[in-house]
């Protein structure tokens, strides 16, 4: 019984770590894509592109927060583990 619980806990932990890593990679890739889109759209100068550059900020701000949390957690893991 104890080995079954230990095995299930270990597998669950490994899956959670893998899922967290993949979600972090997706978040960072999305942030890079949105920042690139904003930069390219704002460099054009026409009204439509400037609206696109402002609209992209809606996605950039939360992804910057996620990126900051990812960096903070990684630094905490390095310092305290």
PDB file of N, CA and C in Angstrom:
ATOM      1  N   UNK A   1       0.821  -1.187   0.000  1.00  0.00           N
ATOM      2  CA  UNK A   1       0.000   0.000   0.000  1.00  0.00           C
ATOM      3  C   UNK A   1       0.865   1.251   0.000  1.00  0.00           C
ATOM      4  N   UNK A   2       1.931   1.278   0.820  1.00  0.00           N
ATOM      5  CA  UNK A   2       2.791   2.451   0.905  1.00  0.00           C
ATOM      6  C   UNK A   2       3.542   2.660  -0.408  1.00  0.00           C
ATOM      7  N   UNK A   3       3.980   1.582  -1.038  1.00  0.00           N
ATOM      8  CA  UNK A   3       4.703   1.735  -2.296  1.00  0.00           C
ATOM      9  C   UNK A   3       3.797   2.252  -3.403  1.00  0.00           C
ATOM     10  N   UNK A   4       2.530   1.864  -3.379  1.00  0.00           N
ATOM     11  CA  UNK A   4       1.588   2.365  -4.376  1.00  0.00           C
ATOM     12  C   UNK A   4       1.382   3.862  -4.212  1.00  0.00           C
ATOM     13  N   UNK A   5       1.213   4.320  -2.991  1.00  0.00           N
ATOM     14  CA  UNK A   5       1.028   5.748  -2.736  1.00  0.00           C
ATOM     15  C   UNK A   5       2.285   6.520  -3.122  1.00  0.00           C
ATOM     16  N   UNK A   6       3.445   5.994  -2.800  1.00  0.00           N
ATOM     17  CA  UNK A   6       4.707   6.648  -3.151  1.00  0.00           C
ATOM     18  C   UNK A   6       4.876   6.718  -4.655  1.00  0.00           C
ATOM     19  N   UNK A   7       4.554   5.648  -5.345  1.00  0.00           N
ATOM     20  CA  UNK A   7       4.665   5.626  -6.808  1.00  0.00           C
ATOM     21  C   UNK A   7       3.718   6.634  -7.438  1.00  0.00           C
ATOM     22  N   UNK A   8       2.490   6.674  -6.979  1.00  0.00           N
ATOM     23  CA  UNK A   8       1.507   7.614  -7.527  1.00  0.00           C
ATOM     24  C   UNK A   8       1.938   9.050  -7.255  1.00  0.00           C
ATOM     25  N   UNK A   9       2.453   9.320  -6.068  1.00  0.00           N
ATOM     26  CA  UNK A   9       2.921  10.662  -5.733  1.00  0.00           C
ATOM     27  C   UNK A   9       4.093  11.063  -6.611  1.00  0.00           C
ATOM     28  N   UNK A  10       5.007  10.162  -6.832  1.00  0.00           N
ATOM     29  CA  UNK A  10       6.171  10.452  -7.669  1.00  0.00           C
ATOM     30  C   UNK A  10       5.751  10.723  -9.109  1.00  0.00           C
ATOM     31  N   UNK A  11       4.886   9.911  -9.629  1.00  0.00           N
ATOM     32  CA  UNK A  11       4.416  10.099 -11.013  1.00  0.00           C
ATOM     33  C   UNK A  11       3.662  11.417 -11.137  1.00  0.00           C
ATOM     34  N   UNK A  12       2.817  11.731 -10.181  1.00  0.00           N
ATOM     35  CA  UNK A  12       2.059  12.986 -10.213  1.00  0.00           C
ATOM     36  C   UNK A  12       2.994  14.185 -10.164  1.00  0.00           C
ATOM     37  N   UNK A  13       4.012  14.120  -9.342  1.00  0.00           N
ATOM     38  CA  UNK A  13       4.982  15.207  -9.242  1.00  0.00           C
ATOM     39  C   UNK A  13       5.737  15.390 -10.549  1.00  0.00           C
ATOM     40  N   UNK A  14       6.154  14.314 -11.164  1.00  0.00           N
ATOM     41  CA  UNK A  14       6.887  14.397 -12.423  1.00  0.00           C
ATOM     42  C   UNK A  14       6.023  14.963 -13.544  1.00  0.00           C
ATOM     43  N   UNK A  15       4.759  14.569 -13.585  1.00  0.00           N
ATOM     44  CA  UNK A  15       3.840  15.095 -14.601  1.00  0.00           C
ATOM     45  C   UNK A  15       3.605  16.576 -14.375  1.00  0.00           C
ATOM     46  N   UNK A  16       3.456  16.982 -13.118  1.00  0.00           N
ATOM     47  CA  UNK A  16       3.235  18.391 -12.813  1.00  0.00           C
ATOM     48  C   UNK A  16       4.438  19.236 -13.203  1.00  0.00           C
ATOM     49  N   UNK A  17       5.637  18.731 -12.956  1.00  0.00           N
ATOM     50  CA  UNK A  17       6.854  19.461 -13.339  1.00  0.00           C
ATOM     51  C   UNK A  17       6.942  19.588 -14.853  1.00  0.00           C
ATOM     52  N   UNK A  18       6.647  18.509 -15.563  1.00  0.00           N
ATOM     53  CA  UNK A  18       6.673  18.554 -17.027  1.00  0.00           C
ATOM     54  C   UNK A  18       5.630  19.497 -17.587  1.00  0.00           C
ATOM     55  N   UNK A  19       4.440  19.495 -17.008  1.00  0.00           N
ATOM     56  CA  UNK A  19       3.373  20.381 -17.460  1.00  0.00           C
ATOM     57  C   UNK A  19       3.728  21.833 -17.185  1.00  0.00           C
ATOM     58  N   UNK A  20       4.306  22.100 -16.030  1.00  0.00           N
ATOM     59  CA  UNK A  20       4.707  23.460 -15.691  1.00  0.00           C
ATOM     60  C   UNK A  20       5.785  23.964 -16.632  1.00  0.00           C
ATOM     61  N   UNK A  21       6.731  23.118 -16.958  1.00  0.00           N
ATOM     62  CA  UNK A  21       7.800  23.509 -17.875  1.00  0.00           C
ATOM     63  C   UNK A  21       7.255  23.806 -19.264  1.00  0.00           C
ATOM     64  N   UNK A  22       6.371  22.959 -19.749  1.00  0.00           N
ATOM     65  CA  UNK A  22       5.820  23.184 -21.088  1.00  0.00           C
ATOM     66  C   UNK A  22       4.942  24.432 -21.129  1.00  0.00           C
ATOM     67  N   UNK A  23       4.192  24.690 -20.078  1.00  0.00           N
ATOM     68  CA  UNK A  23       3.382  25.908 -20.040  1.00  0.00           C
ATOM     69  C   UNK A  23       4.268  27.154 -19.986  1.00  0.00           C
ATOM     70  N   UNK A  24       5.386  27.060 -19.279  1.00  0.00           N
ATOM     71  CA  UNK A  24       6.328  28.176 -19.235  1.00  0.00           C
ATOM     72  C   UNK A  24       6.936  28.460 -20.593  1.00  0.00           C
ATOM     73  N   UNK A  25       7.269  27.402 -21.312  1.00  0.00           N
ATOM     74  CA  UNK A  25       7.836  27.568 -22.652  1.00  0.00           C
ATOM     75  C   UNK A  25       6.810  28.203 -23.591  1.00  0.00           C
ATOM     76  N   UNK A  26       5.572  27.771 -23.493  1.00  0.00           N
ATOM     77  CA  UNK A  26       4.506  28.353 -24.325  1.00  0.00           C
ATOM     78  C   UNK A  26       4.305  29.821 -23.986  1.00  0.00           C
ATOM     79  N   UNK A  27       4.324  30.159 -22.701  1.00  0.00           N
ATOM     80  CA  UNK A  27       4.126  31.546 -22.278  1.00  0.00           C
ATOM     81  C   UNK A  27       5.254  32.437 -22.784  1.00  0.00           C
ATOM     82  N   UNK A  28       6.488  31.977 -22.675  1.00  0.00           N
ATOM     83  CA  UNK A  28       7.632  32.774 -23.134  1.00  0.00           C
ATOM     84  C   UNK A  28       7.612  32.918 -24.656  1.00  0.00           C
ATOM     85  N   UNK A  29       7.274  31.855 -25.372  1.00  0.00           N
ATOM     86  CA  UNK A  29       7.192  31.938 -26.838  1.00  0.00           C
ATOM     87  C   UNK A  29       6.087  32.911 -27.263  1.00  0.00           C
ATOM     88  N   UNK A  30       4.954  32.883 -26.556  1.00  0.00           N
ATOM     89  CA  UNK A  30       3.868  33.819 -26.860  1.00  0.00           C
ATOM     90  C   UNK A  30       4.292  35.254 -26.582  1.00  0.00           C
ATOM     91  N   UNK A  31       5.020  35.466 -25.492  1.00  0.00           N
ATOM     92  CA  UNK A  31       5.503  36.807 -25.170  1.00  0.00           C
ATOM     93  C   UNK A  31       6.451  37.315 -26.250  1.00  0.00           C
ATOM     94  N   UNK A  32       7.357  36.472 -26.699  1.00  0.00           N
ATOM     95  CA  UNK A  32       8.282  36.870 -27.766  1.00  0.00           C
ATOM     96  C   UNK A  32       7.520  37.206 -29.042  1.00  0.00           C
ATOM     97  N   UNK A  33       6.523  36.392 -29.389  1.00  0.00           N
ATOM     98  CA  UNK A  33       5.730  36.645 -30.591  1.00  0.00           C
ATOM     99  C   UNK A  33       4.983  37.978 -30.489  1.00  0.00           C
ATOM    100  N   UNK A  34       4.342  38.228 -29.342  1.00  0.00           N
ATOM    101  CA  UNK A  34       3.574  39.473 -29.191  1.00  0.00           C
ATOM    102  C   UNK A  34       4.478  40.699 -29.164  1.00  0.00           C
ATOM    103  N   UNK A  35       5.634  40.601 -28.513  1.00  0.00           N
ATOM    104  CA  UNK A  35       6.562  41.735 -28.512  1.00  0.00           C
ATOM    105  C   UNK A  35       7.090  42.026 -29.915  1.00  0.00           C
ATOM    106  N   UNK A  36       7.360  40.979 -30.674  1.00  0.00           N
ATOM    107  CA  UNK A  36       7.812  41.170 -32.054  1.00  0.00           C
ATOM    108  C   UNK A  36       6.713  41.795 -32.903  1.00  0.00           C
ATOM    109  N   UNK A  37       5.485  41.317 -32.722  1.00  0.00           N
ATOM    110  CA  UNK A  37       4.355  41.881 -33.468  1.00  0.00           C
ATOM    111  C   UNK A  37       4.166  43.351 -33.144  1.00  0.00           C
ATOM    112  N   UNK A  38       4.246  43.696 -31.862  1.00  0.00           N
ATOM    113  CA  UNK A  38       4.081  45.088 -31.464  1.00  0.00           C
ATOM    114  C   UNK A  38       5.167  45.959 -32.080  1.00  0.00           C
ATOM    115  N   UNK A  39       6.397  45.493 -32.039  1.00  0.00           N
ATOM    116  CA  UNK A  39       7.509  46.276 -32.565  1.00  0.00           C
ATOM    117  C   UNK A  39       7.374  46.481 -34.073  1.00  0.00           C
ATOM    118  N   UNK A  40       7.012  45.429 -34.782  1.00  0.00           N
ATOM    119  CA  UNK A  40       6.852  45.553 -36.242  1.00  0.00           C
ATOM    120  C   UNK A  40       5.659  46.433 -36.599  1.00  0.00           C
ATOM    121  N   UNK A  41       4.565  46.306 -35.847  1.00  0.00           N
ATOM    122  CA  UNK A  41       3.374  47.105 -36.143  1.00  0.00           C
ATOM    123  C   UNK A  41       3.602  48.575 -35.828  1.00  0.00           C
ATOM    124  N   UNK A  42       4.305  48.873 -34.761  1.00  0.00           N
ATOM    125  CA  UNK A  42       4.522  50.276 -34.411  1.00  0.00           C
ATOM    126  C   UNK A  42       5.550  50.945 -35.319  1.00  0.00           C
ATOM    127  N   UNK A  43       6.355  50.169 -36.007  1.00  0.00           N
ATOM    128  CA  UNK A  43       7.354  50.770 -36.893  1.00  0.00           C
ATOM    129  C   UNK A  43       6.746  51.223 -38.224  1.00  0.00           C
ATOM    130  N   UNK A  44       5.569  50.726 -38.567  1.00  0.00           N
ATOM    131  CA  UNK A  44       4.957  51.088 -39.849  1.00  0.00           C
ATOM    132  C   UNK A  44       4.427  52.519 -39.847  1.00  0.00           C
ATOM    133  N   UNK A  45       3.686  52.906 -38.805  1.00  0.00           N
ATOM    134  CA  UNK A  45       3.237  54.286 -38.697  1.00  0.00           C
ATOM    135  C   UNK A  45       1.821  54.555 -39.185  1.00  0.00           C
ATOM    136  N   UNK A  46       1.174  53.653 -39.879  1.00  0.00           N
ATOM    137  CA  UNK A  46      -0.191  53.922 -40.319  1.00  0.00           C
ATOM    138  C   UNK A  46      -1.162  53.665 -39.163  1.00  0.00           C
ATOM    139  N   UNK A  47      -2.391  54.153 -39.315  1.00  0.00           N
ATOM    140  CA  UNK A  47      -3.380  54.055 -38.244  1.00  0.00           C
ATOM    141  C   UNK A  47      -3.729  52.631 -37.857  1.00  0.00           C
ATOM    142  N   UNK A  48      -3.874  51.767 -38.838  1.00  0.00           N
ATOM    143  CA  UNK A  48      -4.239  50.375 -38.557  1.00  0.00           C
ATOM    144  C   UNK A  48      -3.135  49.663 -37.795  1.00  0.00           C
ATOM    145  N   UNK A  49      -1.904  49.871 -38.204  1.00  0.00           N
ATOM    146  CA  UNK A  49      -0.789  49.210 -37.521  1.00  0.00           C
ATOM    147  C   UNK A  49      -0.596  49.742 -36.109  1.00  0.00           C
ATOM    148  N   UNK A  50      -0.846  51.038 -35.907  1.00  0.00           N
ATOM    149  CA  UNK A  50      -0.735  51.586 -34.554  1.00  0.00           C
ATOM    150  C   UNK A  50      -1.826  51.033 -33.647  1.00  0.00           C
ATOM    151  N   UNK A  51      -3.021  50.807 -34.209  1.00  0.00           N
ATOM    152  CA  UNK A  51      -4.088  50.176 -33.419  1.00  0.00           C
ATOM    153  C   UNK A  51      -3.718  48.747 -33.050  1.00  0.00           C
ATOM    154  N   UNK A  52      -3.108  48.037 -33.979  1.00  0.00           N
ATOM    155  CA  UNK A  52      -2.665  46.670 -33.685  1.00  0.00           C
ATOM    156  C   UNK A  52      -1.612  46.687 -32.585  1.00  0.00           C
ATOM    157  N   UNK A  53      -0.686  47.641 -32.644  1.00  0.00           N
ATOM    158  CA  UNK A  53       0.364  47.741 -31.625  1.00  0.00           C
ATOM    159  C   UNK A  53      -0.238  48.007 -30.246  1.00  0.00           C
ATOM    160  N   UNK A  54      -1.278  48.827 -30.167  1.00  0.00           N
ATOM    161  CA  UNK A  54      -1.935  49.088 -28.878  1.00  0.00           C
ATOM    162  C   UNK A  54      -2.738  47.878 -28.412  1.00  0.00           C
ATOM    163  N   UNK A  55      -3.367  47.183 -29.345  1.00  0.00           N
ATOM    164  CA  UNK A  55      -4.186  46.021 -28.999  1.00  0.00           C
ATOM    165  C   UNK A  55      -3.339  44.875 -28.453  1.00  0.00           C
ATOM    166  N   UNK A  56      -2.126  44.737 -28.953  1.00  0.00           N
ATOM    167  CA  UNK A  56      -1.248  43.647 -28.531  1.00  0.00           C
ATOM    168  C   UNK A  56      -0.831  43.808 -27.065  1.00  0.00           C
ATOM    169  N   UNK A  57      -0.877  45.035 -26.546  1.00  0.00           N
ATOM    170  CA  UNK A  57      -0.535  45.264 -25.138  1.00  0.00           C
ATOM    171  C   UNK A  57      -1.439  44.489 -24.192  1.00  0.00           C
ATOM    172  N   UNK A  58      -2.647  44.196 -24.612  1.00  0.00           N
ATOM    173  CA  UNK A  58      -3.583  43.435 -23.772  1.00  0.00           C
ATOM    174  C   UNK A  58      -3.008  42.056 -23.451  1.00  0.00           C
ATOM    175  N   UNK A  59      -2.294  41.459 -24.370  1.00  0.00           N
ATOM    176  CA  UNK A  59      -1.693  40.159 -24.129  1.00  0.00           C
ATOM    177  C   UNK A  59      -0.297  40.230 -23.541  1.00  0.00           C
ATOM    178  N   UNK A  60       0.402  41.340 -23.787  1.00  0.00           N
ATOM    179  CA  UNK A  60       1.789  41.449 -23.331  1.00  0.00           C
ATOM    180  C   UNK A  60       1.870  41.604 -21.814  1.00  0.00           C
ATOM    181  N   UNK A  61       1.014  42.431 -21.242  1.00  0.00           N
ATOM    182  CA  UNK A  61       1.096  42.721 -19.809  1.00  0.00           C
ATOM    183  C   UNK A  61       0.938  41.460 -18.944  1.00  0.00           C
ATOM    184  N   UNK A  62      -0.088  40.622 -19.152  1.00  0.00           N
ATOM    185  CA  UNK A  62      -0.172  39.408 -18.333  1.00  0.00           C
ATOM    186  C   UNK A  62       0.987  38.438 -18.567  1.00  0.00           C
ATOM    187  N   UNK A  63       1.460  38.360 -19.802  1.00  0.00           N
ATOM    188  CA  UNK A  63       2.581  37.467 -20.079  1.00  0.00           C
ATOM    189  C   UNK A  63       3.877  37.969 -19.450  1.00  0.00           C
ATOM    190  N   UNK A  64       4.034  39.281 -19.318  1.00  0.00           N
ATOM    191  CA  UNK A  64       5.188  39.815 -18.602  1.00  0.00           C
ATOM    192  C   UNK A  64       5.135  39.444 -17.122  1.00  0.00           C
ATOM    193  N   UNK A  65       3.932  39.463 -16.550  1.00  0.00           N
ATOM    194  CA  UNK A  65       3.770  39.051 -15.158  1.00  0.00           C
ATOM    195  C   UNK A  65       4.113  37.574 -15.001  1.00  0.00           C
ATOM    196  N   UNK A  66       3.633  36.746 -15.925  1.00  0.00           N
ATOM    197  CA  UNK A  66       3.947  35.312 -15.888  1.00  0.00           C
ATOM    198  C   UNK A  66       5.449  35.094 -16.017  1.00  0.00           C
ATOM    199  N   UNK A  67       6.086  35.837 -16.916  1.00  0.00           N
ATOM    200  CA  UNK A  67       7.528  35.714 -17.093  1.00  0.00           C
ATOM    201  C   UNK A  67       8.271  36.097 -15.819  1.00  0.00           C
ATOM    202  N   UNK A  68       7.834  37.167 -15.161  1.00  0.00           N
ATOM    203  CA  UNK A  68       8.468  37.588 -13.908  1.00  0.00           C
ATOM    204  C   UNK A  68       8.319  36.515 -12.829  1.00  0.00           C
ATOM    205  N   UNK A  69       7.154  35.874 -12.767  1.00  0.00           N
ATOM    206  CA  UNK A  69       6.947  34.804 -11.787  1.00  0.00           C
ATOM    207  C   UNK A  69       7.842  33.605 -12.103  1.00  0.00           C
ATOM    208  N   UNK A  70       7.964  33.253 -13.366  1.00  0.00           N
ATOM    209  CA  UNK A  70       8.823  32.134 -13.757  1.00  0.00           C
ATOM    210  C   UNK A  70      10.271  32.414 -13.347  1.00  0.00           C
ATOM    211  N   UNK A  71      10.738  33.623 -13.610  1.00  0.00           N
ATOM    212  CA  UNK A  71      12.112  33.985 -13.258  1.00  0.00           C
ATOM    213  C   UNK A  71      12.291  33.971 -11.741  1.00  0.00           C
ATOM    214  N   UNK A  72      11.318  34.521 -11.008  1.00  0.00           N
ATOM    215  CA  UNK A  72      11.413  34.552  -9.547  1.00  0.00           C
ATOM    216  C   UNK A  72      11.448  33.139  -8.951  1.00  0.00           C
ATOM    217  N   UNK A  73      10.621  32.249  -9.471  1.00  0.00           N
ATOM    218  CA  UNK A  73      10.594  30.868  -8.984  1.00  0.00           C
ATOM    219  C   UNK A  73      11.907  30.158  -9.298  1.00  0.00           C
ATOM    220  N   UNK A  74      12.442  30.376 -10.493  1.00  0.00           N
ATOM    221  CA  UNK A  74      13.717  29.747 -10.845  1.00  0.00           C
ATOM    222  C   UNK A  74      14.852  30.257  -9.966  1.00  0.00           C
ATOM    223  N   UNK A  75      14.871  31.559  -9.689  1.00  0.00           N
ATOM    224  CA  UNK A  75      15.902  32.106  -8.812  1.00  0.00           C
ATOM    225  C   UNK A  75      15.748  31.565  -7.407  1.00  0.00           C
ATOM    226  N   UNK A  76      14.511  31.456  -6.928  1.00  0.00           N
ATOM    227  CA  UNK A  76      14.265  30.907  -5.586  1.00  0.00           C
ATOM    228  C   UNK A  76      14.710  29.451  -5.514  1.00  0.00           C
ATOM    229  N   UNK A  77      14.470  28.683  -6.558  1.00  0.00           N
ATOM    230  CA  UNK A  77      14.914  27.293  -6.574  1.00  0.00           C
ATOM    231  C   UNK A  77      16.435  27.172  -6.537  1.00  0.00           C
ATOM    232  N   UNK A  78      17.105  28.064  -7.242  1.00  0.00           N
ATOM    233  CA  UNK A  78      18.558  28.028  -7.257  1.00  0.00           C
ATOM    234  C   UNK A  78      19.123  28.435  -5.884  1.00  0.00           C
ATOM    235  N   UNK A  79      18.551  29.455  -5.273  1.00  0.00           N
ATOM    236  CA  UNK A  79      19.078  29.951  -4.016  1.00  0.00           C
ATOM    237  C   UNK A  79      18.756  29.070  -2.823  1.00  0.00           C
ATOM    238  N   UNK A  80      17.565  28.482  -2.789  1.00  0.00           N
ATOM    239  CA  UNK A  80      17.114  27.802  -1.586  1.00  0.00           C
ATOM    240  C   UNK A  80      17.137  26.281  -1.669  1.00  0.00           C
ATOM    241  N   UNK A  81      17.470  25.718  -2.807  1.00  0.00           N
ATOM    242  CA  UNK A  81      17.501  24.254  -2.892  1.00  0.00           C
ATOM    243  C   UNK A  81      18.890  23.755  -3.066  1.00  0.00           C
TER     244      UNK A  81
END
